[in-house]
Amino acid sequence: MATPRKHLVDSEVACTYHVSSRCVRQSWLFGFDALTRKDYSYRKAWLTERLKVLATCFAIELYAYAIMSNHYHLVLRHDPKACEMWTDEEVAERWVEVYPPRGQGQALEERKAAARERLLGNAGRLAGARKTLGSLSGFMQHLNQPIARRANKEDERKGHFFEERFYSGALLSEEAVVAAMAYVDLNPVRAMIARDIEECADSSIGERLRECTAESLEEFLRPVASGIKSRDDCAVEGSNEEPAAPETTPASHGERAIGTKVESTEHPASSRPDYPGPQRTLGEYVAVLRSLAAGYRLDLPPDKVSAWSVKVATIRRRQRAFGPLEHLKRWAAVRGMPVRGIPLAT
């Protein structure tokens, strides 16, 4: 029986997650389908573009991604409390960027301004938008659904494009985060699509290397897109229809006037510290990737390559959480669950 998402994704503290989603029946709906002789590789760009938009609007930081032919992987940091600190105006702006209004006779920016005003005038919809933008499940839903609709329209089909349930594994230590990033970034090398990291298209490491400078190699790893610390101008290309922002009771964020900032409230578990993100330089991370890629090319067992290779091999297991044994014990105890999975090698 699948574990409920509320037990897998922390609702109180920021944590990084390895997330993946598969096409139905593991069909090659993002690559060359040998059965139908059709090449759908161009759809990878759809997903990458949508991913970048949502990552700047939701309460997440995107650290790694890899778009494969029948599935994709992400490593992202989710802060469930970040949305509570956004003003109503910022919530409305983010929501409208996720789903720009369609229409004719007005410039896009004019339509966006009108849509923001409508949302600000509806406290229930605004509270629902805030809740969705702060949710990891909401992020995945609004990432997958527009891609599925667009592909189904192109194929003249109906039904699911992605499997209904996405995988998420909590990364409880810095080494778990880096190992998961390496696992994701090296997917094309492991699948023998690329020989080395420079050839990894449709992945975050390819993007990082394209923008790499001598100075950036000395800097600590940063998210490739973020809706938490800094927010770039985000725009959606294409013609996605704007759904109604989900209704919730405005009281769920406390009684407040439109235009005010929502203050954080204390929770029993809020004293728990946030789980760490990556804490090493890009140059150090690239060195790890090159060593692992060499091991994959030589088809060496993980324990013959490096300690990192053993850690990455552990990430390949679809566990609920990853980290040293003590971290797994604490994570499970908070949820009243038994400790499961292999601890990350130290």
C-alpha atoms as a PDB file:
ATOM      1  CA  MET A   1       0.000   0.000   0.000  1.00  0.00           C
ATOM      2  CA  ALA A   2       1.362   3.406  -0.969  1.00  0.00           C
ATOM      3  CA  THR A   3       2.401   5.751   1.846  1.00  0.00           C
ATOM      4  CA  PRO A   4       0.196   8.885   1.996  1.00  0.00           C
ATOM      5  CA  ARG A   5       1.980  11.949   0.649  1.00  0.00           C
ATOM      6  CA  LYS A   6       1.440  13.826   3.923  1.00  0.00           C
ATOM      7  CA  HIS A   7       3.842  11.361   5.562  1.00  0.00           C
ATOM      8  CA  LEU A   8       6.446  11.705   2.795  1.00  0.00           C
ATOM      9  CA  VAL A   9       6.603  15.501   2.408  1.00  0.00           C
ATOM     10  CA  ASP A  10       7.307  17.547   5.534  1.00  0.00           C
ATOM     11  CA  SER A  11       4.651  20.194   6.196  1.00  0.00           C
ATOM     12  CA  GLU A  12       6.700  22.094   8.773  1.00  0.00           C
ATOM     13  CA  VAL A  13      10.339  22.386   7.695  1.00  0.00           C
ATOM     14  CA  ALA A  14      12.196  22.903   4.433  1.00  0.00           C
ATOM     15  CA  CYS A  15      13.599  19.735   2.903  1.00  0.00           C
ATOM     16  CA  THR A  16      15.110  18.645  -0.407  1.00  0.00           C
ATOM     17  CA  TYR A  17      13.475  15.809  -2.355  1.00  0.00           C
ATOM     18  CA  HIS A  18      14.287  13.493  -5.215  1.00  0.00           C
ATOM     19  CA  VAL A  19      11.136  13.473  -7.355  1.00  0.00           C
ATOM     20  CA  SER A  20      10.339  11.517 -10.508  1.00  0.00           C
ATOM     21  CA  SER A  21       7.340  10.961 -12.747  1.00  0.00           C
ATOM     22  CA  ARG A  22       6.858   8.327 -15.453  1.00  0.00           C
ATOM     23  CA  CYS A  23       4.814   8.265 -18.627  1.00  0.00           C
ATOM     24  CA  VAL A  24       1.933   5.774 -18.597  1.00  0.00           C
ATOM     25  CA  ARG A  25       3.002   2.202 -19.373  1.00  0.00           C
ATOM     26  CA  GLN A  26       6.554   3.638 -19.486  1.00  0.00           C
ATOM     27  CA  SER A  27       5.847   4.593 -23.107  1.00  0.00           C
ATOM     28  CA  TRP A  28       8.494   6.659 -24.875  1.00  0.00           C
ATOM     29  CA  LEU A  29       6.352   9.783 -25.052  1.00  0.00           C
ATOM     30  CA  PHE A  30       9.384  12.113 -24.787  1.00  0.00           C
ATOM     31  CA  GLY A  31      11.679  10.228 -27.178  1.00  0.00           C
ATOM     32  CA  PHE A  32      11.828   7.984 -30.218  1.00  0.00           C
ATOM     33  CA  ASP A  33       9.135   5.319 -30.068  1.00  0.00           C
ATOM     34  CA  ALA A  34      10.455   2.258 -31.903  1.00  0.00           C
ATOM     35  CA  LEU A  35       6.964   0.775 -32.077  1.00  0.00           C
ATOM     36  CA  THR A  36       5.268   3.701 -33.814  1.00  0.00           C
ATOM     37  CA  ARG A  37       8.488   5.033 -35.434  1.00  0.00           C
ATOM     38  CA  LYS A  38       7.651   8.509 -34.156  1.00  0.00           C
ATOM     39  CA  ASP A  39      10.141  10.831 -32.500  1.00  0.00           C
ATOM     40  CA  TYR A  40       8.712  12.879 -29.625  1.00  0.00           C
ATOM     41  CA  SER A  41      12.040  14.253 -28.393  1.00  0.00           C
ATOM     42  CA  TYR A  42      10.901  17.831 -29.021  1.00  0.00           C
ATOM     43  CA  ARG A  43       8.471  17.449 -26.116  1.00  0.00           C
ATOM     44  CA  LYS A  44      11.392  17.510 -23.688  1.00  0.00           C
ATOM     45  CA  ALA A  45      11.631  21.242 -24.354  1.00  0.00           C
ATOM     46  CA  TRP A  46       7.973  21.641 -23.373  1.00  0.00           C
ATOM     47  CA  LEU A  47       8.688  20.096 -19.992  1.00  0.00           C
ATOM     48  CA  THR A  48      11.905  22.042 -19.432  1.00  0.00           C
ATOM     49  CA  GLU A  49      10.218  25.363 -20.238  1.00  0.00           C
ATOM     50  CA  ARG A  50       7.244  24.633 -18.008  1.00  0.00           C
ATOM     51  CA  LEU A  51       9.553  23.441 -15.230  1.00  0.00           C
ATOM     52  CA  LYS A  52      11.513  26.703 -15.277  1.00  0.00           C
ATOM     53  CA  VAL A  53       8.349  28.790 -15.086  1.00  0.00           C
ATOM     54  CA  LEU A  54       6.858  26.899 -12.172  1.00  0.00           C
ATOM     55  CA  ALA A  55      10.160  26.725 -10.292  1.00  0.00           C
ATOM     56  CA  THR A  56      10.231  30.533 -10.114  1.00  0.00           C
ATOM     57  CA  CYS A  57       6.623  30.797  -8.965  1.00  0.00           C
ATOM     58  CA  PHE A  58       6.160  27.968  -6.456  1.00  0.00           C
ATOM     59  CA  ALA A  59       7.825  27.667  -3.033  1.00  0.00           C
ATOM     60  CA  ILE A  60      10.680  25.531  -4.342  1.00  0.00           C
ATOM     61  CA  GLU A  61      14.288  25.706  -5.473  1.00  0.00           C
ATOM     62  CA  LEU A  62      15.240  23.502  -8.424  1.00  0.00           C
ATOM     63  CA  TYR A  63      18.728  21.995  -8.087  1.00  0.00           C
ATOM     64  CA  ALA A  64      18.776  19.227 -10.682  1.00  0.00           C
ATOM     65  CA  TYR A  65      16.654  17.841 -13.493  1.00  0.00           C
ATOM     66  CA  ALA A  66      16.955  15.269 -16.264  1.00  0.00           C
ATOM     67  CA  ILE A  67      14.289  14.716 -18.920  1.00  0.00           C
ATOM     68  CA  MET A  68      14.465  11.188 -20.314  1.00  0.00           C
ATOM     69  CA  SER A  69      12.411   9.491 -23.032  1.00  0.00           C
ATOM     70  CA  ASN A  70       9.749   7.998 -20.758  1.00  0.00           C
ATOM     71  CA  HIS A  71      10.252   9.718 -17.397  1.00  0.00           C
ATOM     72  CA  TYR A  72      11.922  12.647 -15.708  1.00  0.00           C
ATOM     73  CA  HIS A  73      13.829  13.245 -12.462  1.00  0.00           C
ATOM     74  CA  LEU A  74      14.056  16.365 -10.294  1.00  0.00           C
ATOM     75  CA  VAL A  75      15.937  17.349  -7.175  1.00  0.00           C
ATOM     76  CA  LEU A  76      14.167  20.257  -5.565  1.00  0.00           C
ATOM     77  CA  ARG A  77      14.041  21.963  -2.211  1.00  0.00           C
ATOM     78  CA  HIS A  78      10.549  22.640  -0.881  1.00  0.00           C
ATOM     79  CA  ASP A  79       9.855  25.205   1.839  1.00  0.00           C
ATOM     80  CA  PRO A  80       6.268  24.669   3.048  1.00  0.00           C
ATOM     81  CA  LYS A  81       6.248  27.907   5.046  1.00  0.00           C
ATOM     82  CA  ALA A  82       7.621  30.254   2.381  1.00  0.00           C
ATOM     83  CA  CYS A  83       4.196  30.996   0.891  1.00  0.00           C
ATOM     84  CA  GLU A  84       2.954  32.276   4.257  1.00  0.00           C
ATOM     85  CA  MET A  85       5.380  35.196   4.007  1.00  0.00           C
ATOM     86  CA  TRP A  86       4.252  36.340   0.558  1.00  0.00           C
ATOM     87  CA  THR A  87       1.975  39.352   0.283  1.00  0.00           C
ATOM     88  CA  ASP A  88      -1.388  38.887  -1.406  1.00  0.00           C
ATOM     89  CA  GLU A  89      -0.091  40.864  -4.379  1.00  0.00           C
ATOM     90  CA  GLU A  90       2.861  38.518  -4.781  1.00  0.00           C
ATOM     91  CA  VAL A  91       0.601  35.466  -4.609  1.00  0.00           C
ATOM     92  CA  ALA A  92      -1.617  36.943  -7.327  1.00  0.00           C
ATOM     93  CA  GLU A  93       1.390  37.807  -9.485  1.00  0.00           C
ATOM     94  CA  ARG A  94       2.842  34.307  -9.182  1.00  0.00           C
ATOM     95  CA  TRP A  95      -0.472  32.615  -9.944  1.00  0.00           C
ATOM     96  CA  VAL A  96      -1.054  34.715 -13.051  1.00  0.00           C
ATOM     97  CA  GLU A  97       2.466  33.958 -14.288  1.00  0.00           C
ATOM     98  CA  VAL A  98       1.788  30.235 -13.895  1.00  0.00           C
ATOM     99  CA  TYR A  99      -1.425  30.567 -15.932  1.00  0.00           C
ATOM    100  CA  PRO A 100      -1.408  33.775 -18.025  1.00  0.00           C
ATOM    101  CA  PRO A 101      -4.939  34.780 -19.065  1.00  0.00           C
ATOM    102  CA  ARG A 102      -5.983  34.102 -22.630  1.00  0.00           C
ATOM    103  CA  GLY A 103      -7.928  36.584 -24.680  1.00  0.00           C
ATOM    104  CA  GLN A 104      -7.939  38.970 -27.583  1.00  0.00           C
ATOM    105  CA  GLY A 105      -8.119  42.713 -27.947  1.00  0.00           C
ATOM    106  CA  GLN A 106      -5.744  43.500 -25.087  1.00  0.00           C
ATOM    107  CA  ALA A 107      -2.006  43.260 -24.626  1.00  0.00           C
ATOM    108  CA  LEU A 108      -0.856  40.335 -22.492  1.00  0.00           C
ATOM    109  CA  GLU A 109       0.338  42.572 -19.661  1.00  0.00           C
ATOM    110  CA  GLU A 110      -3.050  44.298 -19.543  1.00  0.00           C
ATOM    111  CA  ARG A 111      -4.800  40.929 -19.300  1.00  0.00           C
ATOM    112  CA  LYS A 112      -2.412  39.859 -16.555  1.00  0.00           C
ATOM    113  CA  ALA A 113      -3.105  43.029 -14.572  1.00  0.00           C
ATOM    114  CA  ALA A 114      -6.855  42.462 -14.848  1.00  0.00           C
ATOM    115  CA  ALA A 115      -6.458  38.813 -13.784  1.00  0.00           C
ATOM    116  CA  ARG A 116      -4.407  39.848 -10.747  1.00  0.00           C
ATOM    117  CA  GLU A 117      -7.091  42.325  -9.694  1.00  0.00           C
ATOM    118  CA  ARG A 118      -9.811  39.691 -10.026  1.00  0.00           C
ATOM    119  CA  LEU A 119      -7.836  37.284  -7.880  1.00  0.00           C
ATOM    120  CA  LEU A 120      -7.087  39.935  -5.259  1.00  0.00           C
ATOM    121  CA  GLY A 121     -10.807  40.668  -5.057  1.00  0.00           C
ATOM    122  CA  ASN A 122     -11.681  37.061  -4.233  1.00  0.00           C
ATOM    123  CA  ALA A 123     -10.295  36.084  -0.825  1.00  0.00           C
ATOM    124  CA  GLY A 124     -11.241  32.414  -1.188  1.00  0.00           C
ATOM    125  CA  ARG A 125      -9.526  31.974  -4.548  1.00  0.00           C
ATOM    126  CA  LEU A 126      -6.503  33.906  -3.311  1.00  0.00           C
ATOM    127  CA  ALA A 127      -6.132  31.661  -0.259  1.00  0.00           C
ATOM    128  CA  GLY A 128      -6.456  28.618  -2.523  1.00  0.00           C
ATOM    129  CA  ALA A 129      -3.763  29.963  -4.850  1.00  0.00           C
ATOM    130  CA  ARG A 130      -1.431  30.580  -1.893  1.00  0.00           C
ATOM    131  CA  LYS A 131      -1.939  27.031  -0.635  1.00  0.00           C
ATOM    132  CA  THR A 132      -1.311  25.534  -4.086  1.00  0.00           C
ATOM    133  CA  LEU A 133       1.836  27.607  -4.707  1.00  0.00           C
ATOM    134  CA  GLY A 134       3.229  26.380  -1.389  1.00  0.00           C
ATOM    135  CA  SER A 135       2.540  22.707  -2.117  1.00  0.00           C
ATOM    136  CA  LEU A 136       4.911  20.153  -3.650  1.00  0.00           C
ATOM    137  CA  SER A 137       1.936  18.117  -4.885  1.00  0.00           C
ATOM    138  CA  GLY A 138       0.482  21.294  -6.378  1.00  0.00           C
ATOM    139  CA  PHE A 139       3.758  21.934  -8.174  1.00  0.00           C
ATOM    140  CA  MET A 140       3.781  18.450  -9.695  1.00  0.00           C
ATOM    141  CA  GLN A 141       0.121  18.665 -10.694  1.00  0.00           C
ATOM    142  CA  HIS A 142       0.563  21.979 -12.466  1.00  0.00           C
ATOM    143  CA  LEU A 143       3.767  20.751 -14.117  1.00  0.00           C
ATOM    144  CA  ASN A 144       2.292  17.543 -15.504  1.00  0.00           C
ATOM    145  CA  GLN A 145      -1.266  18.482 -16.419  1.00  0.00           C
ATOM    146  CA  PRO A 146      -0.566  21.146 -19.092  1.00  0.00           C
ATOM    147  CA  ILE A 147       2.049  18.897 -20.731  1.00  0.00           C
ATOM    148  CA  ALA A 148      -0.406  15.996 -20.750  1.00  0.00           C
ATOM    149  CA  ARG A 149      -3.187  18.122 -22.274  1.00  0.00           C
ATOM    150  CA  ARG A 150      -0.865  19.475 -24.954  1.00  0.00           C
ATOM    151  CA  ALA A 151       0.479  16.026 -25.883  1.00  0.00           C
ATOM    152  CA  ASN A 152      -2.985  14.428 -25.882  1.00  0.00           C
ATOM    153  CA  LYS A 153      -4.306  17.176 -28.124  1.00  0.00           C
ATOM    154  CA  GLU A 154      -1.401  16.635 -30.513  1.00  0.00           C
ATOM    155  CA  ASP A 155      -1.962  12.857 -30.494  1.00  0.00           C
ATOM    156  CA  GLU A 156      -5.759  13.241 -30.641  1.00  0.00           C
ATOM    157  CA  ARG A 157      -6.065  11.070 -27.550  1.00  0.00           C
ATOM    158  CA  LYS A 158      -7.623  11.200 -24.111  1.00  0.00           C
ATOM    159  CA  GLY A 159      -6.592   9.771 -20.782  1.00  0.00           C
ATOM    160  CA  HIS A 160      -3.501   9.841 -18.596  1.00  0.00           C
ATOM    161  CA  PHE A 161      -0.127  10.842 -20.023  1.00  0.00           C
ATOM    162  CA  PHE A 162       1.793  10.439 -16.754  1.00  0.00           C
ATOM    163  CA  GLU A 163       1.297   7.814 -14.086  1.00  0.00           C
ATOM    164  CA  GLU A 164      -1.048   9.250 -11.488  1.00  0.00           C
ATOM    165  CA  ARG A 165       1.327   9.083  -8.524  1.00  0.00           C
ATOM    166  CA  PHE A 166       4.787  10.640  -8.637  1.00  0.00           C
ATOM    167  CA  TYR A 167       7.689   9.347  -6.546  1.00  0.00           C
ATOM    168  CA  SER A 168       9.267  11.483  -3.827  1.00  0.00           C
ATOM    169  CA  GLY A 169      12.166  10.622  -1.527  1.00  0.00           C
ATOM    170  CA  ALA A 170      13.271  12.973   1.258  1.00  0.00           C
ATOM    171  CA  LEU A 171      16.991  13.811   1.307  1.00  0.00           C
ATOM    172  CA  LEU A 172      17.930  14.201   4.958  1.00  0.00           C
ATOM    173  CA  SER A 173      21.639  15.072   4.723  1.00  0.00           C
ATOM    174  CA  GLU A 174      23.862  17.185   2.527  1.00  0.00           C
ATOM    175  CA  GLU A 175      25.537  14.095   1.099  1.00  0.00           C
ATOM    176  CA  ALA A 176      22.120  12.627   0.264  1.00  0.00           C
ATOM    177  CA  VAL A 177      21.271  15.812  -1.648  1.00  0.00           C
ATOM    178  CA  VAL A 178      24.525  15.749  -3.632  1.00  0.00           C
ATOM    179  CA  ALA A 179      24.189  12.009  -4.316  1.00  0.00           C
ATOM    180  CA  ALA A 180      20.643  12.528  -5.613  1.00  0.00           C
ATOM    181  CA  MET A 181      21.772  15.427  -7.803  1.00  0.00           C
ATOM    182  CA  ALA A 182      24.543  13.242  -9.229  1.00  0.00           C
ATOM    183  CA  TYR A 183      22.102  10.391  -9.821  1.00  0.00           C
ATOM    184  CA  VAL A 184      19.778  12.735 -11.717  1.00  0.00           C
ATOM    185  CA  ASP A 185      22.457  14.584 -13.697  1.00  0.00           C
ATOM    186  CA  LEU A 186      24.138  11.340 -14.784  1.00  0.00           C
ATOM    187  CA  ASN A 187      20.956   9.674 -16.054  1.00  0.00           C
ATOM    188  CA  PRO A 188      21.944  10.270 -19.718  1.00  0.00           C
ATOM    189  CA  VAL A 189      25.412   8.764 -19.088  1.00  0.00           C
ATOM    190  CA  ARG A 190      23.990   5.720 -17.320  1.00  0.00           C
ATOM    191  CA  ALA A 191      21.507   5.224 -20.166  1.00  0.00           C
ATOM    192  CA  MET A 192      24.421   5.503 -22.666  1.00  0.00           C
ATOM    193  CA  ILE A 193      22.763   8.487 -24.342  1.00  0.00           C
ATOM    194  CA  ALA A 194      25.781  10.627 -23.422  1.00  0.00           C
ATOM    195  CA  ARG A 195      29.417   9.644 -22.917  1.00  0.00           C
ATOM    196  CA  ASP A 196      30.280  12.430 -20.494  1.00  0.00           C
ATOM    197  CA  ILE A 197      28.572  15.254 -18.645  1.00  0.00           C
ATOM    198  CA  GLU A 198      29.266  17.768 -21.425  1.00  0.00           C
ATOM    199  CA  GLU A 199      26.957  15.727 -23.672  1.00  0.00           C
ATOM    200  CA  CYS A 200      24.070  15.608 -21.178  1.00  0.00           C
ATOM    201  CA  ALA A 201      21.321  17.492 -22.970  1.00  0.00           C
ATOM    202  CA  ASP A 202      17.952  18.169 -21.325  1.00  0.00           C
ATOM    203  CA  SER A 203      19.590  18.127 -17.905  1.00  0.00           C
ATOM    204  CA  SER A 204      20.664  20.614 -15.264  1.00  0.00           C
ATOM    205  CA  ILE A 205      24.366  19.727 -15.509  1.00  0.00           C
ATOM    206  CA  GLY A 206      24.280  20.499 -19.219  1.00  0.00           C
ATOM    207  CA  GLU A 207      22.762  23.867 -18.398  1.00  0.00           C
ATOM    208  CA  ARG A 208      25.279  24.551 -15.630  1.00  0.00           C
ATOM    209  CA  LEU A 209      28.242  23.722 -17.888  1.00  0.00           C
ATOM    210  CA  ARG A 210      26.930  25.879 -20.726  1.00  0.00           C
ATOM    211  CA  GLU A 211      26.850  28.848 -18.354  1.00  0.00           C
ATOM    212  CA  CYS A 212      30.010  27.880 -16.467  1.00  0.00           C
ATOM    213  CA  THR A 213      32.865  30.339 -15.877  1.00  0.00           C
ATOM    214  CA  ALA A 214      36.087  30.045 -13.906  1.00  0.00           C
ATOM    215  CA  GLU A 215      34.490  32.159 -11.180  1.00  0.00           C
ATOM    216  CA  SER A 216      31.311  30.076 -10.984  1.00  0.00           C
ATOM    217  CA  LEU A 217      33.348  26.901 -10.383  1.00  0.00           C
ATOM    218  CA  GLU A 218      34.480  28.431  -7.084  1.00  0.00           C
ATOM    219  CA  GLU A 219      30.955  29.358  -6.020  1.00  0.00           C
ATOM    220  CA  PHE A 220      28.650  27.162  -3.972  1.00  0.00           C
ATOM    221  CA  LEU A 221      25.973  25.265  -5.846  1.00  0.00           C
ATOM    222  CA  ARG A 222      22.944  27.394  -6.511  1.00  0.00           C
ATOM    223  CA  PRO A 223      19.503  26.371  -7.722  1.00  0.00           C
ATOM    224  CA  VAL A 224      19.044  26.572 -11.483  1.00  0.00           C
ATOM    225  CA  ALA A 225      15.676  28.211 -10.772  1.00  0.00           C
ATOM    226  CA  SER A 226      14.061  29.376  -7.537  1.00  0.00           C
ATOM    227  CA  GLY A 227      10.746  30.707  -6.292  1.00  0.00           C
ATOM    228  CA  ILE A 228      12.053  31.283  -2.767  1.00  0.00           C
ATOM    229  CA  LYS A 229      15.204  33.397  -2.534  1.00  0.00           C
ATOM    230  CA  SER A 230      15.030  35.213  -5.823  1.00  0.00           C
ATOM    231  CA  ARG A 231      12.399  35.322  -8.483  1.00  0.00           C
ATOM    232  CA  ASP A 232      13.137  35.961 -12.137  1.00  0.00           C
ATOM    233  CA  ASP A 233      10.535  37.231 -14.499  1.00  0.00           C
ATOM    234  CA  CYS A 234       8.595  34.127 -15.431  1.00  0.00           C
ATOM    235  CA  ALA A 235       6.354  33.816 -18.431  1.00  0.00           C
ATOM    236  CA  VAL A 236       4.524  30.941 -19.977  1.00  0.00           C
ATOM    237  CA  GLU A 237       4.785  30.309 -23.664  1.00  0.00           C
ATOM    238  CA  GLY A 238       1.901  28.660 -25.375  1.00  0.00           C
ATOM    239  CA  SER A 239      -1.799  28.713 -24.762  1.00  0.00           C
ATOM    240  CA  ASN A 240      -2.442  27.075 -21.407  1.00  0.00           C
ATOM    241  CA  GLU A 241      -5.908  27.811 -20.124  1.00  0.00           C
ATOM    242  CA  GLU A 242      -6.110  29.425 -16.703  1.00  0.00           C
ATOM    243  CA  PRO A 243      -7.940  27.207 -14.227  1.00  0.00           C
ATOM    244  CA  ALA A 244      -9.913  28.698 -11.389  1.00  0.00           C
ATOM    245  CA  ALA A 245      -7.655  29.065  -8.381  1.00  0.00           C
ATOM    246  CA  PRO A 246      -8.797  26.448  -5.882  1.00  0.00           C
ATOM    247  CA  GLU A 247     -11.258  27.679  -3.258  1.00  0.00           C
ATOM    248  CA  THR A 248     -10.330  27.449   0.391  1.00  0.00           C
ATOM    249  CA  THR A 249     -11.653  29.228   3.418  1.00  0.00           C
ATOM    250  CA  PRO A 250      -9.776  32.523   3.851  1.00  0.00           C
ATOM    251  CA  ALA A 251      -9.614  31.815   7.570  1.00  0.00           C
ATOM    252  CA  SER A 252      -7.118  29.051   6.850  1.00  0.00           C
ATOM    253  CA  HIS A 253      -4.480  31.786   6.748  1.00  0.00           C
ATOM    254  CA  GLY A 254      -6.026  33.828   9.534  1.00  0.00           C
ATOM    255  CA  GLU A 255      -8.270  36.893   9.386  1.00  0.00           C
ATOM    256  CA  ARG A 256      -6.462  39.632   7.519  1.00  0.00           C
ATOM    257  CA  ALA A 257      -7.050  42.490   5.172  1.00  0.00           C
ATOM    258  CA  ILE A 258      -6.286  42.210   1.468  1.00  0.00           C
ATOM    259  CA  GLY A 259      -2.762  43.421   0.768  1.00  0.00           C
ATOM    260  CA  THR A 260      -1.226  42.429   4.085  1.00  0.00           C
ATOM    261  CA  LYS A 261       1.542  39.891   4.590  1.00  0.00           C
ATOM    262  CA  VAL A 262       0.651  36.629   6.278  1.00  0.00           C
ATOM    263  CA  GLU A 263       2.640  36.115   9.451  1.00  0.00           C
ATOM    264  CA  SER A 264       4.007  32.685  10.250  1.00  0.00           C
ATOM    265  CA  THR A 265       2.322  30.858  13.115  1.00  0.00           C
ATOM    266  CA  GLU A 266       4.072  28.606  15.595  1.00  0.00           C
ATOM    267  CA  HIS A 267       3.590  24.877  15.224  1.00  0.00           C
ATOM    268  CA  PRO A 268       4.527  22.120  17.654  1.00  0.00           C
ATOM    269  CA  ALA A 269       7.122  20.735  15.239  1.00  0.00           C
ATOM    270  CA  SER A 270       8.442  24.100  14.044  1.00  0.00           C
ATOM    271  CA  SER A 271      11.447  23.872  16.381  1.00  0.00           C
ATOM    272  CA  ARG A 272      12.900  21.152  14.167  1.00  0.00           C
ATOM    273  CA  PRO A 273      15.704  22.575  12.002  1.00  0.00           C
ATOM    274  CA  ASP A 274      15.412  22.607   8.240  1.00  0.00           C
ATOM    275  CA  TYR A 275      17.164  19.778   6.435  1.00  0.00           C
ATOM    276  CA  PRO A 276      20.367  20.927   4.670  1.00  0.00           C
ATOM    277  CA  GLY A 277      20.769  21.664   0.997  1.00  0.00           C
ATOM    278  CA  PRO A 278      23.958  21.271  -1.085  1.00  0.00           C
ATOM    279  CA  GLN A 279      26.974  22.869   0.590  1.00  0.00           C
ATOM    280  CA  ARG A 280      29.846  22.491  -1.870  1.00  0.00           C
ATOM    281  CA  THR A 281      31.165  24.360  -4.882  1.00  0.00           C
ATOM    282  CA  LEU A 282      30.235  23.705  -8.473  1.00  0.00           C
ATOM    283  CA  GLY A 283      33.841  22.687  -9.159  1.00  0.00           C
ATOM    284  CA  GLU A 284      33.723  20.057  -6.400  1.00  0.00           C
ATOM    285  CA  TYR A 285      30.422  18.744  -7.719  1.00  0.00           C
ATOM    286  CA  VAL A 286      31.696  18.529 -11.305  1.00  0.00           C
ATOM    287  CA  ALA A 287      34.708  16.522 -10.077  1.00  0.00           C
ATOM    288  CA  VAL A 288      32.335  14.033  -8.418  1.00  0.00           C
ATOM    289  CA  LEU A 289      30.326  13.713 -11.639  1.00  0.00           C
ATOM    290  CA  ARG A 290      33.408  13.125 -13.801  1.00  0.00           C
ATOM    291  CA  SER A 291      34.614  10.336 -11.511  1.00  0.00           C
ATOM    292  CA  LEU A 292      31.200   8.665 -11.519  1.00  0.00           C
ATOM    293  CA  ALA A 293      30.832   8.996 -15.300  1.00  0.00           C
ATOM    294  CA  ALA A 294      34.197   7.279 -15.796  1.00  0.00           C
ATOM    295  CA  GLY A 295      33.004   4.395 -13.620  1.00  0.00           C
ATOM    296  CA  TYR A 296      29.819   4.028 -15.667  1.00  0.00           C
ATOM    297  CA  ARG A 297      31.789   3.964 -18.928  1.00  0.00           C
ATOM    298  CA  LEU A 298      34.021   1.192 -17.578  1.00  0.00           C
ATOM    299  CA  ASP A 299      31.005  -0.654 -16.131  1.00  0.00           C
ATOM    300  CA  LEU A 300      32.685  -0.904 -12.742  1.00  0.00           C
ATOM    301  CA  PRO A 301      30.795  -1.963  -9.596  1.00  0.00           C
ATOM    302  CA  PRO A 302      30.052   1.015  -7.304  1.00  0.00           C
ATOM    303  CA  ASP A 303      32.458  -0.089  -4.561  1.00  0.00           C
ATOM    304  CA  LYS A 304      35.307  -0.144  -7.097  1.00  0.00           C
ATOM    305  CA  VAL A 305      34.807   3.490  -8.133  1.00  0.00           C
ATOM    306  CA  SER A 306      34.410   5.692  -5.054  1.00  0.00           C
ATOM    307  CA  ALA A 307      32.379   6.247  -1.910  1.00  0.00           C
ATOM    308  CA  TRP A 308      30.183   8.574  -3.944  1.00  0.00           C
ATOM    309  CA  SER A 309      29.383   5.758  -6.348  1.00  0.00           C
ATOM    310  CA  VAL A 310      28.024   3.683  -3.447  1.00  0.00           C
ATOM    311  CA  LYS A 311      25.913   6.629  -2.267  1.00  0.00           C
ATOM    312  CA  VAL A 312      24.480   7.193  -5.747  1.00  0.00           C
ATOM    313  CA  ALA A 313      23.702   3.488  -6.059  1.00  0.00           C
ATOM    314  CA  THR A 314      21.620   3.799  -2.878  1.00  0.00           C
ATOM    315  CA  ILE A 315      19.654   6.695  -4.395  1.00  0.00           C
ATOM    316  CA  ARG A 316      18.563   4.356  -7.190  1.00  0.00           C
ATOM    317  CA  ARG A 317      16.358   2.599  -4.635  1.00  0.00           C
ATOM    318  CA  ARG A 318      12.907   4.158  -4.349  1.00  0.00           C
ATOM    319  CA  GLN A 319      13.067   4.722  -0.593  1.00  0.00           C
ATOM    320  CA  ARG A 320      10.878   7.118   1.357  1.00  0.00           C
ATOM    321  CA  ALA A 321      13.949   8.920   2.706  1.00  0.00           C
ATOM    322  CA  PHE A 322      17.742   8.884   2.370  1.00  0.00           C
ATOM    323  CA  GLY A 323      20.453   9.717   4.867  1.00  0.00           C
ATOM    324  CA  PRO A 324      22.564   8.259   7.688  1.00  0.00           C
ATOM    325  CA  LEU A 325      20.820   5.793   9.994  1.00  0.00           C
ATOM    326  CA  GLU A 326      20.274   8.335  12.785  1.00  0.00           C
ATOM    327  CA  HIS A 327      18.607  10.723  10.331  1.00  0.00           C
ATOM    328  CA  LEU A 328      16.324   7.960   9.076  1.00  0.00           C
ATOM    329  CA  LYS A 329      15.380   7.070  12.658  1.00  0.00           C
ATOM    330  CA  ARG A 330      14.463  10.670  13.526  1.00  0.00           C
ATOM    331  CA  TRP A 331      12.547  11.150  10.278  1.00  0.00           C
ATOM    332  CA  ALA A 332      10.534   7.964  10.862  1.00  0.00           C
ATOM    333  CA  ALA A 333       9.921   8.722  14.554  1.00  0.00           C
ATOM    334  CA  VAL A 334       8.315  12.093  13.785  1.00  0.00           C
ATOM    335  CA  ARG A 335       5.855  10.278  11.522  1.00  0.00           C
ATOM    336  CA  GLY A 336       5.284   7.290  13.765  1.00  0.00           C
ATOM    337  CA  MET A 337       6.608   5.002  11.058  1.00  0.00           C
ATOM    338  CA  PRO A 338       9.088   2.101  11.149  1.00  0.00           C
ATOM    339  CA  VAL A 339      12.610   2.717   9.874  1.00  0.00           C
ATOM    340  CA  ARG A 340      12.955   1.349   6.364  1.00  0.00           C
ATOM    341  CA  GLY A 341      15.527   1.557   3.627  1.00  0.00           C
ATOM    342  CA  ILE A 342      19.296   1.376   3.420  1.00  0.00           C
ATOM    343  CA  PRO A 343      21.205   4.119   5.284  1.00  0.00           C
ATOM    344  CA  LEU A 344      23.471   6.259   3.140  1.00  0.00           C
ATOM    345  CA  ALA A 345      27.085   5.133   3.418  1.00  0.00           C
ATOM    346  CA  THR A 346      29.298   7.432   5.470  1.00  0.00           C
END
